[in-house]
Amino acid sequence: MKRVDKIRYILNILFLVGTVVTIILYFCTDGGKPFFYAGFITIATKVFEYILRFVY
């Protein structure tokens, strides 16, 4: 397994965990800020993985 593939694998795991955290925050918090922060970080993680997929 190449180094980039390992990084992509880890980023995909972080994306899945971030998605679960974002869903939990959506239903458990009254304010929208934690939900939006977690959602932004989750989407940024997926975009970074997506860029790595096409660059390497």
PDB file of N, CA and C in Angstrom:
ATOM      1  N   MET A   1       0.847  -1.177   0.000  1.00  0.00           N
ATOM      2  CA  MET A   1       0.000   0.000   0.000  1.00  0.00           C
ATOM      3  C   MET A   1       0.895   1.245   0.000  1.00  0.00           C
ATOM      4  N   LYS A   2       0.613   2.146  -0.928  1.00  0.00           N
ATOM      5  CA  LYS A   2       1.411   3.368  -1.006  1.00  0.00           C
ATOM      6  C   LYS A   2       1.098   4.309   0.154  1.00  0.00           C
ATOM      7  N   ARG A   3       2.016   5.222   0.371  1.00  0.00           N
ATOM      8  CA  ARG A   3       1.864   6.175   1.472  1.00  0.00           C
ATOM      9  C   ARG A   3       0.620   7.040   1.281  1.00  0.00           C
ATOM     10  N   VAL A   4       0.367   7.462   0.039  1.00  0.00           N
ATOM     11  CA  VAL A   4      -0.798   8.311  -0.233  1.00  0.00           C
ATOM     12  C   VAL A   4      -2.087   7.538   0.019  1.00  0.00           C
ATOM     13  N   ASP A   5      -2.085   6.255  -0.307  1.00  0.00           N
ATOM     14  CA  ASP A   5      -3.275   5.437  -0.057  1.00  0.00           C
ATOM     15  C   ASP A   5      -3.562   5.318   1.437  1.00  0.00           C
ATOM     16  N   LYS A   6      -2.512   5.216   2.244  1.00  0.00           N
ATOM     17  CA  LYS A   6      -2.699   5.154   3.692  1.00  0.00           C
ATOM     18  C   LYS A   6      -3.282   6.466   4.221  1.00  0.00           C
ATOM     19  N   ILE A   7      -2.774   7.576   3.707  1.00  0.00           N
ATOM     20  CA  ILE A   7      -3.290   8.882   4.125  1.00  0.00           C
ATOM     21  C   ILE A   7      -4.750   9.029   3.719  1.00  0.00           C
ATOM     22  N   ARG A   8      -5.073   8.608   2.497  1.00  0.00           N
ATOM     23  CA  ARG A   8      -6.466   8.680   2.037  1.00  0.00           C
ATOM     24  C   ARG A   8      -7.378   7.803   2.897  1.00  0.00           C
ATOM     25  N   TYR A   9      -6.888   6.629   3.274  1.00  0.00           N
ATOM     26  CA  TYR A   9      -7.659   5.725   4.126  1.00  0.00           C
ATOM     27  C   TYR A   9      -7.954   6.376   5.479  1.00  0.00           C
ATOM     28  N   ILE A  10      -6.937   6.983   6.072  1.00  0.00           N
ATOM     29  CA  ILE A  10      -7.119   7.662   7.362  1.00  0.00           C
ATOM     30  C   ILE A  10      -8.090   8.835   7.222  1.00  0.00           C
ATOM     31  N   LEU A  11      -7.969   9.601   6.133  1.00  0.00           N
ATOM     32  CA  LEU A  11      -8.879  10.731   5.922  1.00  0.00           C
ATOM     33  C   LEU A  11     -10.317  10.260   5.728  1.00  0.00           C
ATOM     34  N   ASN A  12     -10.498   9.110   5.081  1.00  0.00           N
ATOM     35  CA  ASN A  12     -11.856   8.576   4.926  1.00  0.00           C
ATOM     36  C   ASN A  12     -12.442   8.144   6.263  1.00  0.00           C
ATOM     37  N   ILE A  13     -11.623   7.549   7.117  1.00  0.00           N
ATOM     38  CA  ILE A  13     -12.087   7.183   8.460  1.00  0.00           C
ATOM     39  C   ILE A  13     -12.477   8.437   9.243  1.00  0.00           C
ATOM     40  N   LEU A  14     -11.633   9.477   9.175  1.00  0.00           N
ATOM     41  CA  LEU A  14     -11.949  10.737   9.854  1.00  0.00           C
ATOM     42  C   LEU A  14     -13.226  11.358   9.307  1.00  0.00           C
ATOM     43  N   PHE A  15     -13.445  11.234   8.002  1.00  0.00           N
ATOM     44  CA  PHE A  15     -14.665  11.753   7.401  1.00  0.00           C
ATOM     45  C   PHE A  15     -15.898  11.031   7.954  1.00  0.00           C
ATOM     46  N   LEU A  16     -15.822   9.713   8.058  1.00  0.00           N
ATOM     47  CA  LEU A  16     -16.961   8.950   8.570  1.00  0.00           C
ATOM     48  C   LEU A  16     -17.239   9.277  10.037  1.00  0.00           C
ATOM     49  N   VAL A  17     -16.193   9.395  10.827  1.00  0.00           N
ATOM     50  CA  VAL A  17     -16.367   9.758  12.239  1.00  0.00           C
ATOM     51  C   VAL A  17     -16.929  11.174  12.347  1.00  0.00           C
ATOM     52  N   GLY A  18     -16.402  12.088  11.534  1.00  0.00           N
ATOM     53  CA  GLY A  18     -16.906  13.463  11.531  1.00  0.00           C
ATOM     54  C   GLY A  18     -18.362  13.552  11.122  1.00  0.00           C
ATOM     55  N   THR A  19     -18.770  12.705  10.200  1.00  0.00           N
ATOM     56  CA  THR A  19     -20.169  12.695   9.785  1.00  0.00           C
ATOM     57  C   THR A  19     -21.073  12.279  10.936  1.00  0.00           C
ATOM     58  N   VAL A  20     -20.674  11.254  11.657  1.00  0.00           N
ATOM     59  CA  VAL A  20     -21.465  10.802  12.806  1.00  0.00           C
ATOM     60  C   VAL A  20     -21.527  11.890  13.872  1.00  0.00           C
ATOM     61  N   VAL A  21     -20.405  12.530  14.150  1.00  0.00           N
ATOM     62  CA  VAL A  21     -20.366  13.611  15.148  1.00  0.00           C
ATOM     63  C   VAL A  21     -21.257  14.768  14.713  1.00  0.00           C
ATOM     64  N   THR A  22     -21.223  15.107  13.426  1.00  0.00           N
ATOM     65  CA  THR A  22     -22.048  16.204  12.919  1.00  0.00           C
ATOM     66  C   THR A  22     -23.529  15.890  13.072  1.00  0.00           C
ATOM     67  N   ILE A  23     -23.917  14.658  12.776  1.00  0.00           N
ATOM     68  CA  ILE A  23     -25.327  14.268  12.921  1.00  0.00           C
ATOM     69  C   ILE A  23     -25.744  14.323  14.388  1.00  0.00           C
ATOM     70  N   ILE A  24     -24.888  13.849  15.279  1.00  0.00           N
ATOM     71  CA  ILE A  24     -25.203  13.897  16.708  1.00  0.00           C
ATOM     72  C   ILE A  24     -25.343  15.347  17.176  1.00  0.00           C
ATOM     73  N   LEU A  25     -24.440  16.215  16.730  1.00  0.00           N
ATOM     74  CA  LEU A  25     -24.528  17.631  17.116  1.00  0.00           C
ATOM     75  C   LEU A  25     -25.789  18.288  16.581  1.00  0.00           C
ATOM     76  N   TYR A  26     -26.229  17.888  15.415  1.00  0.00           N
ATOM     77  CA  TYR A  26     -27.445  18.466  14.839  1.00  0.00           C
ATOM     78  C   TYR A  26     -28.652  18.191  15.720  1.00  0.00           C
ATOM     79  N   PHE A  27     -28.733  16.978  16.246  1.00  0.00           N
ATOM     80  CA  PHE A  27     -29.901  16.614  17.038  1.00  0.00           C
ATOM     81  C   PHE A  27     -29.765  16.945  18.525  1.00  0.00           C
ATOM     82  N   CYS A  28     -28.550  17.146  19.010  1.00  0.00           N
ATOM     83  CA  CYS A  28     -28.356  17.319  20.456  1.00  0.00           C
ATOM     84  C   CYS A  28     -28.072  18.748  20.901  1.00  0.00           C
ATOM     85  N   THR A  29     -27.823  19.657  19.988  1.00  0.00           N
ATOM     86  CA  THR A  29     -27.532  21.028  20.394  1.00  0.00           C
ATOM     87  C   THR A  29     -28.619  21.965  19.911  1.00  0.00           C
ATOM     88  N   ASP A  30     -28.825  23.024  20.679  1.00  0.00           N
ATOM     89  CA  ASP A  30     -29.819  24.017  20.294  1.00  0.00           C
ATOM     90  C   ASP A  30     -29.244  25.025  19.312  1.00  0.00           C
ATOM     91  N   GLY A  31     -28.017  25.458  19.564  1.00  0.00           N
ATOM     92  CA  GLY A  31     -27.377  26.424  18.680  1.00  0.00           C
ATOM     93  C   GLY A  31     -26.808  25.737  17.451  1.00  0.00           C
ATOM     94  N   GLY A  32     -26.631  26.499  16.395  1.00  0.00           N
ATOM     95  CA  GLY A  32     -26.146  25.912  15.167  1.00  0.00           C
ATOM     96  C   GLY A  32     -24.646  25.937  14.999  1.00  0.00           C
ATOM     97  N   LYS A  33     -23.933  26.702  15.852  1.00  0.00           N
ATOM     98  CA  LYS A  33     -22.490  26.857  15.640  1.00  0.00           C
ATOM     99  C   LYS A  33     -21.706  25.550  15.742  1.00  0.00           C
ATOM    100  N   PRO A  34     -21.877  24.735  16.779  1.00  0.00           N
ATOM    101  CA  PRO A  34     -21.096  23.483  16.822  1.00  0.00           C
ATOM    102  C   PRO A  34     -21.377  22.580  15.624  1.00  0.00           C
ATOM    103  N   PHE A  35     -22.626  22.536  15.204  1.00  0.00           N
ATOM    104  CA  PHE A  35     -23.006  21.731  14.045  1.00  0.00           C
ATOM    105  C   PHE A  35     -22.305  22.225  12.784  1.00  0.00           C
ATOM    106  N   PHE A  36     -22.305  23.524  12.565  1.00  0.00           N
ATOM    107  CA  PHE A  36     -21.670  24.077  11.371  1.00  0.00           C
ATOM    108  C   PHE A  36     -20.155  23.938  11.406  1.00  0.00           C
ATOM    109  N   TYR A  37     -19.539  24.115  12.578  1.00  0.00           N
ATOM    110  CA  TYR A  37     -18.092  23.938  12.680  1.00  0.00           C
ATOM    111  C   TYR A  37     -17.706  22.493  12.372  1.00  0.00           C
ATOM    112  N   ALA A  38     -18.419  21.552  12.973  1.00  0.00           N
ATOM    113  CA  ALA A  38     -18.119  20.137  12.735  1.00  0.00           C
ATOM    114  C   ALA A  38     -18.383  19.770  11.271  1.00  0.00           C
ATOM    115  N   GLY A  39     -19.444  20.307  10.711  1.00  0.00           N
ATOM    116  CA  GLY A  39     -19.746  20.040   9.308  1.00  0.00           C
ATOM    117  C   GLY A  39     -18.694  20.603   8.375  1.00  0.00           C
ATOM    118  N   PHE A  40     -18.202  21.795   8.677  1.00  0.00           N
ATOM    119  CA  PHE A  40     -17.164  22.406   7.846  1.00  0.00           C
ATOM    120  C   PHE A  40     -15.876  21.594   7.891  1.00  0.00           C
ATOM    121  N   ILE A  41     -15.482  21.172   9.090  1.00  0.00           N
ATOM    122  CA  ILE A  41     -14.260  20.380   9.223  1.00  0.00           C
ATOM    123  C   ILE A  41     -14.409  19.041   8.507  1.00  0.00           C
ATOM    124  N   THR A  42     -15.584  18.433   8.602  1.00  0.00           N
ATOM    125  CA  THR A  42     -15.834  17.159   7.937  1.00  0.00           C
ATOM    126  C   THR A  42     -15.757  17.304   6.424  1.00  0.00           C
ATOM    127  N   ILE A  43     -16.375  18.331   5.885  1.00  0.00           N
ATOM    128  CA  ILE A  43     -16.354  18.541   4.440  1.00  0.00           C
ATOM    129  C   ILE A  43     -14.948  18.904   3.966  1.00  0.00           C
ATOM    130  N   ALA A  44     -14.228  19.690   4.755  1.00  0.00           N
ATOM    131  CA  ALA A  44     -12.852  20.044   4.382  1.00  0.00           C
ATOM    132  C   ALA A  44     -11.966  18.800   4.345  1.00  0.00           C
ATOM    133  N   THR A  45     -12.189  17.872   5.255  1.00  0.00           N
ATOM    134  CA  THR A  45     -11.438  16.617   5.256  1.00  0.00           C
ATOM    135  C   THR A  45     -11.707  15.829   3.980  1.00  0.00           C
ATOM    136  N   LYS A  46     -12.958  15.761   3.573  1.00  0.00           N
ATOM    137  CA  LYS A  46     -13.308  15.019   2.357  1.00  0.00           C
ATOM    138  C   LYS A  46     -12.753  15.708   1.112  1.00  0.00           C
ATOM    139  N   VAL A  47     -12.778  17.015   1.073  1.00  0.00           N
ATOM    140  CA  VAL A  47     -12.233  17.741  -0.076  1.00  0.00           C
ATOM    141  C   VAL A  47     -10.733  17.501  -0.178  1.00  0.00           C
ATOM    142  N   PHE A  48     -10.023  17.502   0.946  1.00  0.00           N
ATOM    143  CA  PHE A  48      -8.588  17.239   0.933  1.00  0.00           C
ATOM    144  C   PHE A  48      -8.301  15.827   0.430  1.00  0.00           C
ATOM    145  N   GLU A  49      -9.100  14.858   0.848  1.00  0.00           N
ATOM    146  CA  GLU A  49      -8.936  13.478   0.373  1.00  0.00           C
ATOM    147  C   GLU A  49      -9.223  13.392  -1.123  1.00  0.00           C
ATOM    148  N   TYR A  50     -10.218  14.103  -1.566  1.00  0.00           N
ATOM    149  CA  TYR A  50     -10.599  14.127  -2.982  1.00  0.00           C
ATOM    150  C   TYR A  50      -9.463  14.703  -3.832  1.00  0.00           C
ATOM    151  N   ILE A  51      -8.827  15.760  -3.337  1.00  0.00           N
ATOM    152  CA  ILE A  51      -7.699  16.360  -4.055  1.00  0.00           C
ATOM    153  C   ILE A  51      -6.531  15.376  -4.123  1.00  0.00           C
ATOM    154  N   LEU A  52      -6.250  14.682  -3.014  1.00  0.00           N
ATOM    155  CA  LEU A  52      -5.173  13.701  -3.019  1.00  0.00           C
ATOM    156  C   LEU A  52      -5.440  12.573  -4.015  1.00  0.00           C
ATOM    157  N   ARG A  53      -6.698  12.212  -4.172  1.00  0.00           N
ATOM    158  CA  ARG A  53      -7.036  11.131  -5.098  1.00  0.00           C
ATOM    159  C   ARG A  53      -6.664  11.492  -6.527  1.00  0.00           C
ATOM    160  N   PHE A  54      -6.864  12.728  -6.933  1.00  0.00           N
ATOM    161  CA  PHE A  54      -6.615  13.097  -8.312  1.00  0.00           C
ATOM    162  C   PHE A  54      -5.207  13.633  -8.571  1.00  0.00           C
ATOM    163  N   VAL A  55      -4.517  14.076  -7.536  1.00  0.00           N
ATOM    164  CA  VAL A  55      -3.163  14.575  -7.726  1.00  0.00           C
ATOM    165  C   VAL A  55      -2.183  13.394  -7.808  1.00  0.00           C
ATOM    166  N   TYR A  56      -2.401  12.349  -6.996  1.00  0.00           N
ATOM    167  CA  TYR A  56      -1.469  11.213  -6.970  1.00  0.00           C
ATOM    168  C   TYR A  56      -2.083   9.989  -7.561  1.00  0.00           C
TER     169      TYR A  56
END
